[in-house]
Amino acid sequence: IESRAQQAMLPRLKPACFYDLVIEVAIVR
């Protein structure tokens, strides 16, 4: 989650639990 695309997504998705991180990993594909 350190790429520019992931860093742009993080403030929008706002992960607040582990399953949110699962989605964060998968959605920027």
mmCIF file of all heavy atoms, coordinates in Angstrom:
data_MODEL
# 
_entry.id   MODEL 
# 
loop_
_atom_site.group_PDB 
_atom_site.id 
_atom_site.type_symbol 
_atom_site.label_atom_id 
_atom_site.label_alt_id 
_atom_site.label_comp_id 
_atom_site.label_asym_id 
_atom_site.label_entity_id 
_atom_site.label_seq_id 
_atom_site.pdbx_PDB_ins_code 
_atom_site.Cartn_x 
_atom_site.Cartn_y 
_atom_site.Cartn_z 
_atom_site.occupancy 
_atom_site.B_iso_or_equiv 
_atom_site.pdbx_formal_charge 
_atom_site.auth_seq_id 
_atom_site.auth_comp_id 
_atom_site.auth_asym_id 
_atom_site.auth_atom_id 
_atom_site.pdbx_PDB_model_num 
ATOM 1   N N   . ILE A 1 1  ? 0.821   -1.219 0.000   1.00 0.00 ? 1  ILE A N   1 
ATOM 2   C CA  . ILE A 1 1  ? 0.000   0.000  0.000   1.00 0.00 ? 1  ILE A CA  1 
ATOM 3   C C   . ILE A 1 1  ? 0.856   1.270  0.000   1.00 0.00 ? 1  ILE A C   1 
ATOM 4   O O   . ILE A 1 1  ? 0.423   2.307  0.491   1.00 0.00 ? 1  ILE A O   1 
ATOM 5   C CB  . ILE A 1 1  ? -1.016  0.024  1.161   1.00 0.00 ? 1  ILE A CB  1 
ATOM 6   C CG1 . ILE A 1 1  ? -0.321  -0.038 2.518   1.00 0.00 ? 1  ILE A CG1 1 
ATOM 7   C CG2 . ILE A 1 1  ? -2.015  -1.101 1.019   1.00 0.00 ? 1  ILE A CG2 1 
ATOM 8   C CD1 . ILE A 1 1  ? -1.271  0.252  3.689   1.00 0.00 ? 1  ILE A CD1 1 
ATOM 9   N N   . GLU A 1 2  ? 2.056   1.182  -0.581  1.00 0.00 ? 2  GLU A N   1 
ATOM 10  C CA  . GLU A 1 2  ? 2.889   2.387  -0.627  1.00 0.00 ? 2  GLU A CA  1 
ATOM 11  C C   . GLU A 1 2  ? 2.985   2.991  -2.023  1.00 0.00 ? 2  GLU A C   1 
ATOM 12  O O   . GLU A 1 2  ? 3.607   4.037  -2.194  1.00 0.00 ? 2  GLU A O   1 
ATOM 13  C CB  . GLU A 1 2  ? 4.290   2.089  -0.098  1.00 0.00 ? 2  GLU A CB  1 
ATOM 14  C CG  . GLU A 1 2  ? 5.160   1.275  -1.022  1.00 0.00 ? 2  GLU A CG  1 
ATOM 15  C CD  . GLU A 1 2  ? 6.648   1.446  -0.719  1.00 0.00 ? 2  GLU A CD  1 
ATOM 16  O OE1 . GLU A 1 2  ? 6.993   2.183  0.210   1.00 0.00 ? 2  GLU A OE1 1 
ATOM 17  O OE2 . GLU A 1 2  ? 7.459   0.839  -1.437  1.00 0.00 ? 2  GLU A OE2 1 
ATOM 18  N N   . SER A 1 3  ? 2.373   2.362  -3.032  1.00 0.00 ? 3  SER A N   1 
ATOM 19  C CA  . SER A 1 3  ? 2.408   2.952  -4.373  1.00 0.00 ? 3  SER A CA  1 
ATOM 20  C C   . SER A 1 3  ? 1.571   4.230  -4.400  1.00 0.00 ? 3  SER A C   1 
ATOM 21  O O   . SER A 1 3  ? 0.728   4.472  -3.521  1.00 0.00 ? 3  SER A O   1 
ATOM 22  C CB  . SER A 1 3  ? 1.862   1.964  -5.406  1.00 0.00 ? 3  SER A CB  1 
ATOM 23  O OG  . SER A 1 3  ? 0.460   1.817  -5.264  1.00 0.00 ? 3  SER A OG  1 
ATOM 24  N N   . ARG A 1 4  ? 1.776   5.044  -5.418  1.00 0.00 ? 4  ARG A N   1 
ATOM 25  C CA  . ARG A 1 4  ? 1.002   6.286  -5.517  1.00 0.00 ? 4  ARG A CA  1 
ATOM 26  C C   . ARG A 1 4  ? -0.490  6.001  -5.654  1.00 0.00 ? 4  ARG A C   1 
ATOM 27  O O   . ARG A 1 4  ? -1.322  6.723  -5.093  1.00 0.00 ? 4  ARG A O   1 
ATOM 28  C CB  . ARG A 1 4  ? 1.500   7.107  -6.707  1.00 0.00 ? 4  ARG A CB  1 
ATOM 29  C CG  . ARG A 1 4  ? 2.869   7.720  -6.502  1.00 0.00 ? 4  ARG A CG  1 
ATOM 30  C CD  . ARG A 1 4  ? 3.248   8.663  -7.623  1.00 0.00 ? 4  ARG A CD  1 
ATOM 31  N NE  . ARG A 1 4  ? 4.548   9.291  -7.388  1.00 0.00 ? 4  ARG A NE  1 
ATOM 32  C CZ  . ARG A 1 4  ? 5.086   10.190 -8.185  1.00 0.00 ? 4  ARG A CZ  1 
ATOM 33  N NH1 . ARG A 1 4  ? 4.444   10.578 -9.273  1.00 0.00 ? 4  ARG A NH1 1 
ATOM 34  N NH2 . ARG A 1 4  ? 6.275   10.714 -7.906  1.00 0.00 ? 4  ARG A NH2 1 
ATOM 35  N N   . ALA A 1 5  ? -0.823  4.951  -6.400  1.00 0.00 ? 5  ALA A N   1 
ATOM 36  C CA  . ALA A 1 5  ? -2.244  4.616  -6.560  1.00 0.00 ? 5  ALA A CA  1 
ATOM 37  C C   . ALA A 1 5  ? -2.858  4.202  -5.235  1.00 0.00 ? 5  ALA A C   1 
ATOM 38  O O   . ALA A 1 5  ? -3.978  4.607  -4.896  1.00 0.00 ? 5  ALA A O   1 
ATOM 39  C CB  . ALA A 1 5  ? -2.402  3.500  -7.592  1.00 0.00 ? 5  ALA A CB  1 
ATOM 40  N N   . GLN A 1 6  ? -2.139  3.402  -4.465  1.00 0.00 ? 6  GLN A N   1 
ATOM 41  C CA  . GLN A 1 6  ? -2.653  2.986  -3.157  1.00 0.00 ? 6  GLN A CA  1 
ATOM 42  C C   . GLN A 1 6  ? -2.735  4.172  -2.206  1.00 0.00 ? 6  GLN A C   1 
ATOM 43  O O   . GLN A 1 6  ? -3.701  4.313  -1.455  1.00 0.00 ? 6  GLN A O   1 
ATOM 44  C CB  . GLN A 1 6  ? -1.757  1.895  -2.564  1.00 0.00 ? 6  GLN A CB  1 
ATOM 45  C CG  . GLN A 1 6  ? -1.857  0.536  -3.251  1.00 0.00 ? 6  GLN A CG  1 
ATOM 46  C CD  . GLN A 1 6  ? -3.098  -0.239 -2.832  1.00 0.00 ? 6  GLN A CD  1 
ATOM 47  O OE1 . GLN A 1 6  ? -3.928  0.250  -2.068  1.00 0.00 ? 6  GLN A OE1 1 
ATOM 48  N NE2 . GLN A 1 6  ? -3.240  -1.453 -3.346  1.00 0.00 ? 6  GLN A NE2 1 
ATOM 49  N N   . GLN A 1 7  ? -1.715  5.020  -2.226  1.00 0.00 ? 7  GLN A N   1 
ATOM 50  C CA  . GLN A 1 7  ? -1.743  6.178  -1.335  1.00 0.00 ? 7  GLN A CA  1 
ATOM 51  C C   . GLN A 1 7  ? -2.866  7.148  -1.698  1.00 0.00 ? 7  GLN A C   1 
ATOM 52  O O   . GLN A 1 7  ? -3.394  7.844  -0.834  1.00 0.00 ? 7  GLN A O   1 
ATOM 53  C CB  . GLN A 1 7  ? -0.389  6.894  -1.357  1.00 0.00 ? 7  GLN A CB  1 
ATOM 54  C CG  . GLN A 1 7  ? 0.708   6.114  -0.648  1.00 0.00 ? 7  GLN A CG  1 
ATOM 55  C CD  . GLN A 1 7  ? 2.002   6.897  -0.531  1.00 0.00 ? 7  GLN A CD  1 
ATOM 56  O OE1 . GLN A 1 7  ? 2.296   7.775  -1.338  1.00 0.00 ? 7  GLN A OE1 1 
ATOM 57  N NE2 . GLN A 1 7  ? 2.797   6.581  0.483   1.00 0.00 ? 7  GLN A NE2 1 
ATOM 58  N N   . ALA A 1 8  ? -3.243  7.190  -2.969  1.00 0.00 ? 8  ALA A N   1 
ATOM 59  C CA  . ALA A 1 8  ? -4.381  8.015  -3.355  1.00 0.00 ? 8  ALA A CA  1 
ATOM 60  C C   . ALA A 1 8  ? -5.692  7.384  -2.904  1.00 0.00 ? 8  ALA A C   1 
ATOM 61  O O   . ALA A 1 8  ? -6.662  8.098  -2.598  1.00 0.00 ? 8  ALA A O   1 
ATOM 62  C CB  . ALA A 1 8  ? -4.392  8.213  -4.872  1.00 0.00 ? 8  ALA A CB  1 
ATOM 63  N N   . MET A 1 9  ? -5.731  6.057  -2.852  1.00 0.00 ? 9  MET A N   1 
ATOM 64  C CA  . MET A 1 9  ? -6.965  5.366  -2.463  1.00 0.00 ? 9  MET A CA  1 
ATOM 65  C C   . MET A 1 9  ? -7.190  5.370  -0.950  1.00 0.00 ? 9  MET A C   1 
ATOM 66  O O   . MET A 1 9  ? -8.337  5.461  -0.488  1.00 0.00 ? 9  MET A O   1 
ATOM 67  C CB  . MET A 1 9  ? -6.908  3.916  -2.963  1.00 0.00 ? 9  MET A CB  1 
ATOM 68  C CG  . MET A 1 9  ? -8.135  3.064  -2.614  1.00 0.00 ? 9  MET A CG  1 
ATOM 69  S SD  . MET A 1 9  ? -9.647  3.677  -3.406  1.00 0.00 ? 9  MET A SD  1 
ATOM 70  C CE  . MET A 1 9  ? -9.271  3.317  -5.123  1.00 0.00 ? 9  MET A CE  1 
ATOM 71  N N   . LEU A 1 10 ? -6.132  5.299  -0.176  1.00 0.00 ? 10 LEU A N   1 
ATOM 72  C CA  . LEU A 1 10 ? -6.273  5.144  1.274   1.00 0.00 ? 10 LEU A CA  1 
ATOM 73  C C   . LEU A 1 10 ? -7.132  6.231  1.931   1.00 0.00 ? 10 LEU A C   1 
ATOM 74  O O   . LEU A 1 10 ? -8.032  5.910  2.719   1.00 0.00 ? 10 LEU A O   1 
ATOM 75  C CB  . LEU A 1 10 ? -4.886  5.087  1.924   1.00 0.00 ? 10 LEU A CB  1 
ATOM 76  C CG  . LEU A 1 10 ? -4.131  3.769  1.728   1.00 0.00 ? 10 LEU A CG  1 
ATOM 77  C CD1 . LEU A 1 10 ? -2.649  3.955  2.059   1.00 0.00 ? 10 LEU A CD1 1 
ATOM 78  C CD2 . LEU A 1 10 ? -4.734  2.666  2.584   1.00 0.00 ? 10 LEU A CD2 1 
ATOM 79  N N   . PRO A 1 11 ? -6.922  7.522  1.650   1.00 0.00 ? 11 PRO A N   1 
ATOM 80  C CA  . PRO A 1 11 ? -7.777  8.531  2.292   1.00 0.00 ? 11 PRO A CA  1 
ATOM 81  C C   . PRO A 1 11 ? -9.228  8.484  1.817   1.00 0.00 ? 11 PRO A C   1 
ATOM 82  O O   . PRO A 1 11 ? -10.117 9.025  2.487   1.00 0.00 ? 11 PRO A O   1 
ATOM 83  C CB  . PRO A 1 11 ? -7.121  9.856  1.885   1.00 0.00 ? 11 PRO A CB  1 
ATOM 84  C CG  . PRO A 1 11 ? -5.738  9.496  1.454   1.00 0.00 ? 11 PRO A CG  1 
ATOM 85  C CD  . PRO A 1 11 ? -5.857  8.136  0.850   1.00 0.00 ? 11 PRO A CD  1 
ATOM 86  N N   . ARG A 1 12 ? -9.479  7.852  0.677   1.00 0.00 ? 12 ARG A N   1 
ATOM 87  C CA  . ARG A 1 12 ? -10.843 7.749  0.163   1.00 0.00 ? 12 ARG A CA  1 
ATOM 88  C C   . ARG A 1 12 ? -11.551 6.524  0.747   1.00 0.00 ? 12 ARG A C   1 
ATOM 89  O O   . ARG A 1 12 ? -12.713 6.596  1.133   1.00 0.00 ? 12 ARG A O   1 
ATOM 90  C CB  . ARG A 1 12 ? -10.822 7.668  -1.360  1.00 0.00 ? 12 ARG A CB  1 
ATOM 91  C CG  . ARG A 1 12 ? -10.160 8.866  -2.026  1.00 0.00 ? 12 ARG A CG  1 
ATOM 92  C CD  . ARG A 1 12 ? -9.930  8.636  -3.507  1.00 0.00 ? 12 ARG A CD  1 
ATOM 93  N NE  . ARG A 1 12 ? -11.193 8.549  -4.239  1.00 0.00 ? 12 ARG A NE  1 
ATOM 94  C CZ  . ARG A 1 12 ? -11.312 8.077  -5.466  1.00 0.00 ? 12 ARG A CZ  1 
ATOM 95  N NH1 . ARG A 1 12 ? -10.240 7.606  -6.097  1.00 0.00 ? 12 ARG A NH1 1 
ATOM 96  N NH2 . ARG A 1 12 ? -12.486 8.048  -6.061  1.00 0.00 ? 12 ARG A NH2 1 
ATOM 97  N N   . LEU A 1 13 ? -10.841 5.416  0.795   1.00 0.00 ? 13 LEU A N   1 
ATOM 98  C CA  . LEU A 1 13 ? -11.452 4.204  1.332   1.00 0.00 ? 13 LEU A CA  1 
ATOM 99  C C   . LEU A 1 13 ? -11.483 4.215  2.862   1.00 0.00 ? 13 LEU A C   1 
ATOM 100 O O   . LEU A 1 13 ? -12.374 3.663  3.477   1.00 0.00 ? 13 LEU A O   1 
ATOM 101 C CB  . LEU A 1 13 ? -10.685 2.980  0.821   1.00 0.00 ? 13 LEU A CB  1 
ATOM 102 C CG  . LEU A 1 13 ? -11.390 1.631  0.952   1.00 0.00 ? 13 LEU A CG  1 
ATOM 103 C CD1 . LEU A 1 13 ? -11.015 0.726  -0.227  1.00 0.00 ? 13 LEU A CD1 1 
ATOM 104 C CD2 . LEU A 1 13 ? -11.017 0.930  2.244   1.00 0.00 ? 13 LEU A CD2 1 
ATOM 105 N N   . LYS A 1 14 ? -10.478 4.862  3.482   1.00 0.00 ? 14 LYS A N   1 
ATOM 106 C CA  . LYS A 1 14 ? -10.378 5.000  4.943   1.00 0.00 ? 14 LYS A CA  1 
ATOM 107 C C   . LYS A 1 14 ? -10.494 3.647  5.661   1.00 0.00 ? 14 LYS A C   1 
ATOM 108 O O   . LYS A 1 14 ? -11.447 3.404  6.408   1.00 0.00 ? 14 LYS A O   1 
ATOM 109 C CB  . LYS A 1 14 ? -11.435 5.968  5.475   1.00 0.00 ? 14 LYS A CB  1 
ATOM 110 C CG  . LYS A 1 14 ? -11.285 7.388  4.972   1.00 0.00 ? 14 LYS A CG  1 
ATOM 111 C CD  . LYS A 1 14 ? -12.265 8.329  5.650   1.00 0.00 ? 14 LYS A CD  1 
ATOM 112 C CE  . LYS A 1 14 ? -12.139 9.747  5.091   1.00 0.00 ? 14 LYS A CE  1 
ATOM 113 N NZ  . LYS A 1 14 ? -10.805 10.319 5.259   1.00 0.00 ? 14 LYS A NZ  1 
ATOM 114 N N   . PRO A 1 15 ? -9.541  2.758  5.463   1.00 0.00 ? 15 PRO A N   1 
ATOM 115 C CA  . PRO A 1 15 ? -9.622  1.459  6.132   1.00 0.00 ? 15 PRO A CA  1 
ATOM 116 C C   . PRO A 1 15 ? -9.649  1.612  7.650   1.00 0.00 ? 15 PRO A C   1 
ATOM 117 O O   . PRO A 1 15 ? -8.848  2.354  8.212   1.00 0.00 ? 15 PRO A O   1 
ATOM 118 C CB  . PRO A 1 15 ? -8.350  0.744  5.662   1.00 0.00 ? 15 PRO A CB  1 
ATOM 119 C CG  . PRO A 1 15 ? -7.425  1.828  5.216   1.00 0.00 ? 15 PRO A CG  1 
ATOM 120 C CD  . PRO A 1 15 ? -8.308  2.908  4.678   1.00 0.00 ? 15 PRO A CD  1 
ATOM 121 N N   . ALA A 1 16 ? -10.588 0.919  8.283   1.00 0.00 ? 16 ALA A N   1 
ATOM 122 C CA  . ALA A 1 16 ? -10.755 1.025  9.736   1.00 0.00 ? 16 ALA A CA  1 
ATOM 123 C C   . ALA A 1 16 ? -10.800 -0.339 10.415  1.00 0.00 ? 16 ALA A C   1 
ATOM 124 O O   . ALA A 1 16 ? -10.987 -0.414 11.629  1.00 0.00 ? 16 ALA A O   1 
ATOM 125 C CB  . ALA A 1 16 ? -12.037 1.802  10.055  1.00 0.00 ? 16 ALA A CB  1 
ATOM 126 N N   . CYS A 1 17 ? -10.642 -1.418 9.640   1.00 0.00 ? 17 CYS A N   1 
ATOM 127 C CA  . CYS A 1 17 ? -10.602 -2.762 10.208  1.00 0.00 ? 17 CYS A CA  1 
ATOM 128 C C   . CYS A 1 17 ? -9.833  -3.651 9.230   1.00 0.00 ? 17 CYS A C   1 
ATOM 129 O O   . CYS A 1 17 ? -9.518  -3.231 8.108   1.00 0.00 ? 17 CYS A O   1 
ATOM 130 C CB  . CYS A 1 17 ? -12.012 -3.311 10.454  1.00 0.00 ? 17 CYS A CB  1 
ATOM 131 S SG  . CYS A 1 17 ? -12.960 -3.583 8.935   1.00 0.00 ? 17 CYS A SG  1 
ATOM 132 N N   . PHE A 1 18 ? -9.544  -4.872 9.658   1.00 0.00 ? 18 PHE A N   1 
ATOM 133 C CA  . PHE A 1 18 ? -8.711  -5.741 8.827   1.00 0.00 ? 18 PHE A CA  1 
ATOM 134 C C   . PHE A 1 18 ? -9.354  -6.021 7.473   1.00 0.00 ? 18 PHE A C   1 
ATOM 135 O O   . PHE A 1 18 ? -8.668  -6.013 6.445   1.00 0.00 ? 18 PHE A O   1 
ATOM 136 C CB  . PHE A 1 18 ? -8.418  -7.058 9.555   1.00 0.00 ? 18 PHE A CB  1 
ATOM 137 C CG  . PHE A 1 18 ? -7.562  -7.990 8.747   1.00 0.00 ? 18 PHE A CG  1 
ATOM 138 C CD1 . PHE A 1 18 ? -6.199  -7.748 8.617   1.00 0.00 ? 18 PHE A CD1 1 
ATOM 139 C CD2 . PHE A 1 18 ? -8.112  -9.089 8.114   1.00 0.00 ? 18 PHE A CD2 1 
ATOM 140 C CE1 . PHE A 1 18 ? -5.399  -8.589 7.854   1.00 0.00 ? 18 PHE A CE1 1 
ATOM 141 C CE2 . PHE A 1 18 ? -7.316  -9.936 7.352   1.00 0.00 ? 18 PHE A CE2 1 
ATOM 142 C CZ  . PHE A 1 18 ? -5.954  -9.689 7.226   1.00 0.00 ? 18 PHE A CZ  1 
ATOM 143 N N   . TYR A 1 19 ? -10.666 -6.260 7.434   1.00 0.00 ? 19 TYR A N   1 
ATOM 144 C CA  . TYR A 1 19 ? -11.292 -6.575 6.154   1.00 0.00 ? 19 TYR A CA  1 
ATOM 145 C C   . TYR A 1 19 ? -11.208 -5.395 5.195   1.00 0.00 ? 19 TYR A C   1 
ATOM 146 O O   . TYR A 1 19 ? -11.144 -5.581 3.969   1.00 0.00 ? 19 TYR A O   1 
ATOM 147 C CB  . TYR A 1 19 ? -12.745 -7.010 6.331   1.00 0.00 ? 19 TYR A CB  1 
ATOM 148 C CG  . TYR A 1 19 ? -13.305 -7.661 5.078   1.00 0.00 ? 19 TYR A CG  1 
ATOM 149 C CD1 . TYR A 1 19 ? -12.932 -8.956 4.731   1.00 0.00 ? 19 TYR A CD1 1 
ATOM 150 C CD2 . TYR A 1 19 ? -14.176 -6.984 4.235   1.00 0.00 ? 19 TYR A CD2 1 
ATOM 151 C CE1 . TYR A 1 19 ? -13.414 -9.558 3.583   1.00 0.00 ? 19 TYR A CE1 1 
ATOM 152 C CE2 . TYR A 1 19 ? -14.672 -7.580 3.083   1.00 0.00 ? 19 TYR A CE2 1 
ATOM 153 C CZ  . TYR A 1 19 ? -14.293 -8.860 2.764   1.00 0.00 ? 19 TYR A CZ  1 
ATOM 154 O OH  . TYR A 1 19 ? -14.760 -9.445 1.620   1.00 0.00 ? 19 TYR A OH  1 
ATOM 155 N N   . ASP A 1 20 ? -11.168 -4.170 5.729   1.00 0.00 ? 20 ASP A N   1 
ATOM 156 C CA  . ASP A 1 20 ? -10.967 -3.010 4.863   1.00 0.00 ? 20 ASP A CA  1 
ATOM 157 C C   . ASP A 1 20 ? -9.597  -3.071 4.186   1.00 0.00 ? 20 ASP A C   1 
ATOM 158 O O   . ASP A 1 20 ? -9.452  -2.661 3.026   1.00 0.00 ? 20 ASP A O   1 
ATOM 159 C CB  . ASP A 1 20 ? -11.068 -1.715 5.672   1.00 0.00 ? 20 ASP A CB  1 
ATOM 160 C CG  . ASP A 1 20 ? -12.493 -1.404 6.104   1.00 0.00 ? 20 ASP A CG  1 
ATOM 161 O OD1 . ASP A 1 20 ? -13.429 -2.049 5.601   1.00 0.00 ? 20 ASP A OD1 1 
ATOM 162 O OD2 . ASP A 1 20 ? -12.652 -0.518 6.966   1.00 0.00 ? 20 ASP A OD2 1 
ATOM 163 N N   . LEU A 1 21 ? -8.591  -3.579 4.889   1.00 0.00 ? 21 LEU A N   1 
ATOM 164 C CA  . LEU A 1 21 ? -7.276  -3.735 4.266   1.00 0.00 ? 21 LEU A CA  1 
ATOM 165 C C   . LEU A 1 21 ? -7.309  -4.800 3.182   1.00 0.00 ? 21 LEU A C   1 
ATOM 166 O O   . LEU A 1 21 ? -6.622  -4.674 2.158   1.00 0.00 ? 21 LEU A O   1 
ATOM 167 C CB  . LEU A 1 21 ? -6.223  -4.101 5.321   1.00 0.00 ? 21 LEU A CB  1 
ATOM 168 C CG  . LEU A 1 21 ? -5.836  -3.020 6.327   1.00 0.00 ? 21 LEU A CG  1 
ATOM 169 C CD1 . LEU A 1 21 ? -4.767  -3.552 7.277   1.00 0.00 ? 21 LEU A CD1 1 
ATOM 170 C CD2 . LEU A 1 21 ? -5.335  -1.761 5.627   1.00 0.00 ? 21 LEU A CD2 1 
ATOM 171 N N   . VAL A 1 22 ? -8.101  -5.850 3.392   1.00 0.00 ? 22 VAL A N   1 
ATOM 172 C CA  . VAL A 1 22 ? -8.262  -6.880 2.364   1.00 0.00 ? 22 VAL A CA  1 
ATOM 173 C C   . VAL A 1 22 ? -8.821  -6.239 1.088   1.00 0.00 ? 22 VAL A C   1 
ATOM 174 O O   . VAL A 1 22 ? -8.338  -6.492 -0.020  1.00 0.00 ? 22 VAL A O   1 
ATOM 175 C CB  . VAL A 1 22 ? -9.180  -8.015 2.859   1.00 0.00 ? 22 VAL A CB  1 
ATOM 176 C CG1 . VAL A 1 22 ? -9.400  -9.057 1.757   1.00 0.00 ? 22 VAL A CG1 1 
ATOM 177 C CG2 . VAL A 1 22 ? -8.600  -8.691 4.104   1.00 0.00 ? 22 VAL A CG2 1 
ATOM 178 N N   . ILE A 1 23 ? -9.834  -5.391 1.253   1.00 0.00 ? 23 ILE A N   1 
ATOM 179 C CA  . ILE A 1 23 ? -10.433 -4.705 0.109   1.00 0.00 ? 23 ILE A CA  1 
ATOM 180 C C   . ILE A 1 23 ? -9.428  -3.730 -0.505  1.00 0.00 ? 23 ILE A C   1 
ATOM 181 O O   . ILE A 1 23 ? -9.305  -3.635 -1.735  1.00 0.00 ? 23 ILE A O   1 
ATOM 182 C CB  . ILE A 1 23 ? -11.719 -3.984 0.532   1.00 0.00 ? 23 ILE A CB  1 
ATOM 183 C CG1 . ILE A 1 23 ? -12.799 -5.020 0.865   1.00 0.00 ? 23 ILE A CG1 1 
ATOM 184 C CG2 . ILE A 1 23 ? -12.204 -3.028 -0.560  1.00 0.00 ? 23 ILE A CG2 1 
ATOM 185 C CD1 . ILE A 1 23 ? -14.072 -4.447 1.419   1.00 0.00 ? 23 ILE A CD1 1 
ATOM 186 N N   . GLU A 1 24 ? -8.703  -3.008 0.322   1.00 0.00 ? 24 GLU A N   1 
ATOM 187 C CA  . GLU A 1 24 ? -7.716  -2.044 -0.172  1.00 0.00 ? 24 GLU A CA  1 
ATOM 188 C C   . GLU A 1 24 ? -6.681  -2.724 -1.058  1.00 0.00 ? 24 GLU A C   1 
ATOM 189 O O   . GLU A 1 24 ? -6.316  -2.201 -2.130  1.00 0.00 ? 24 GLU A O   1 
ATOM 190 C CB  . GLU A 1 24 ? -7.009  -1.369 1.014   1.00 0.00 ? 24 GLU A CB  1 
ATOM 191 C CG  . GLU A 1 24 ? -5.909  -0.395 0.645   1.00 0.00 ? 24 GLU A CG  1 
ATOM 192 C CD  . GLU A 1 24 ? -6.428  0.903  0.072   1.00 0.00 ? 24 GLU A CD  1 
ATOM 193 O OE1 . GLU A 1 24 ? -7.483  1.366  0.515   1.00 0.00 ? 24 GLU A OE1 1 
ATOM 194 O OE2 . GLU A 1 24 ? -5.753  1.464  -0.811  1.00 0.00 ? 24 GLU A OE2 1 
ATOM 195 N N   . VAL A 1 25 ? -6.209  -3.887 -0.626  1.00 0.00 ? 25 VAL A N   1 
ATOM 196 C CA  . VAL A 1 25 ? -5.228  -4.632 -1.417  1.00 0.00 ? 25 VAL A CA  1 
ATOM 197 C C   . VAL A 1 25 ? -5.812  -5.025 -2.773  1.00 0.00 ? 25 VAL A C   1 
ATOM 198 O O   . VAL A 1 25 ? -5.142  -4.951 -3.807  1.00 0.00 ? 25 VAL A O   1 
ATOM 199 C CB  . VAL A 1 25 ? -4.764  -5.886 -0.650  1.00 0.00 ? 25 VAL A CB  1 
ATOM 200 C CG1 . VAL A 1 25 ? -4.016  -6.849 -1.570  1.00 0.00 ? 25 VAL A CG1 1 
ATOM 201 C CG2 . VAL A 1 25 ? -3.877  -5.493 0.529   1.00 0.00 ? 25 VAL A CG2 1 
ATOM 202 N N   . ALA A 1 26 ? -7.078  -5.443 -2.772  1.00 0.00 ? 26 ALA A N   1 
ATOM 203 C CA  . ALA A 1 26 ? -7.689  -6.004 -3.985  1.00 0.00 ? 26 ALA A CA  1 
ATOM 204 C C   . ALA A 1 26 ? -8.226  -4.959 -4.946  1.00 0.00 ? 26 ALA A C   1 
ATOM 205 O O   . ALA A 1 26 ? -8.281  -5.207 -6.159  1.00 0.00 ? 26 ALA A O   1 
ATOM 206 C CB  . ALA A 1 26 ? -8.825  -6.951 -3.591  1.00 0.00 ? 26 ALA A CB  1 
ATOM 207 N N   . ILE A 1 27 ? -8.629  -3.791 -4.447  1.00 0.00 ? 27 ILE A N   1 
ATOM 208 C CA  . ILE A 1 27 ? -9.387  -2.873 -5.291  1.00 0.00 ? 27 ILE A CA  1 
ATOM 209 C C   . ILE A 1 27 ? -8.489  -2.072 -6.239  1.00 0.00 ? 27 ILE A C   1 
ATOM 210 O O   . ILE A 1 27 ? -8.934  -1.665 -7.316  1.00 0.00 ? 27 ILE A O   1 
ATOM 211 C CB  . ILE A 1 27 ? -10.250 -1.935 -4.415  1.00 0.00 ? 27 ILE A CB  1 
ATOM 212 C CG1 . ILE A 1 27 ? -11.397 -1.360 -5.243  1.00 0.00 ? 27 ILE A CG1 1 
ATOM 213 C CG2 . ILE A 1 27 ? -9.417  -0.839 -3.772  1.00 0.00 ? 27 ILE A CG2 1 
ATOM 214 C CD1 . ILE A 1 27 ? -12.451 -0.649 -4.408  1.00 0.00 ? 27 ILE A CD1 1 
ATOM 215 N N   . VAL A 1 28 ? -7.238  -1.844 -5.871  1.00 0.00 ? 28 VAL A N   1 
ATOM 216 C CA  . VAL A 1 28 ? -6.333  -1.104 -6.752  1.00 0.00 ? 28 VAL A CA  1 
ATOM 217 C C   . VAL A 1 28 ? -5.626  -2.121 -7.648  1.00 0.00 ? 28 VAL A C   1 
ATOM 218 O O   . VAL A 1 28 ? -4.424  -2.377 -7.534  1.00 0.00 ? 28 VAL A O   1 
ATOM 219 C CB  . VAL A 1 28 ? -5.321  -0.263 -5.947  1.00 0.00 ? 28 VAL A CB  1 
ATOM 220 C CG1 . VAL A 1 28 ? -4.471  0.595  -6.897  1.00 0.00 ? 28 VAL A CG1 1 
ATOM 221 C CG2 . VAL A 1 28 ? -6.045  0.646  -4.957  1.00 0.00 ? 28 VAL A CG2 1 
ATOM 222 N N   . ARG A 1 29 ? -6.412  -2.732 -8.521  1.00 0.00 ? 29 ARG A N   1 
ATOM 223 C CA  . ARG A 1 29 ? -5.937  -3.750 -9.454  1.00 0.00 ? 29 ARG A CA  1 
ATOM 224 C C   . ARG A 1 29 ? -6.609  -3.510 -10.804 1.00 0.00 ? 29 ARG A C   1 
ATOM 225 O O   . ARG A 1 29 ? -7.716  -2.950 -10.868 1.00 0.00 ? 29 ARG A O   1 
ATOM 226 C CB  . ARG A 1 29 ? -6.299  -5.158 -8.968  1.00 0.00 ? 29 ARG A CB  1 
ATOM 227 C CG  . ARG A 1 29 ? -5.756  -5.504 -7.606  1.00 0.00 ? 29 ARG A CG  1 
ATOM 228 C CD  . ARG A 1 29 ? -4.261  -5.738 -7.630  1.00 0.00 ? 29 ARG A CD  1 
ATOM 229 N NE  . ARG A 1 29 ? -3.698  -5.666 -6.280  1.00 0.00 ? 29 ARG A NE  1 
ATOM 230 C CZ  . ARG A 1 29 ? -2.411  -5.753 -6.009  1.00 0.00 ? 29 ARG A CZ  1 
ATOM 231 N NH1 . ARG A 1 29 ? -1.551  -5.911 -6.990  1.00 0.00 ? 29 ARG A NH1 1 
ATOM 232 N NH2 . ARG A 1 29 ? -1.988  -5.651 -4.771  1.00 0.00 ? 29 ARG A NH2 1 
# 
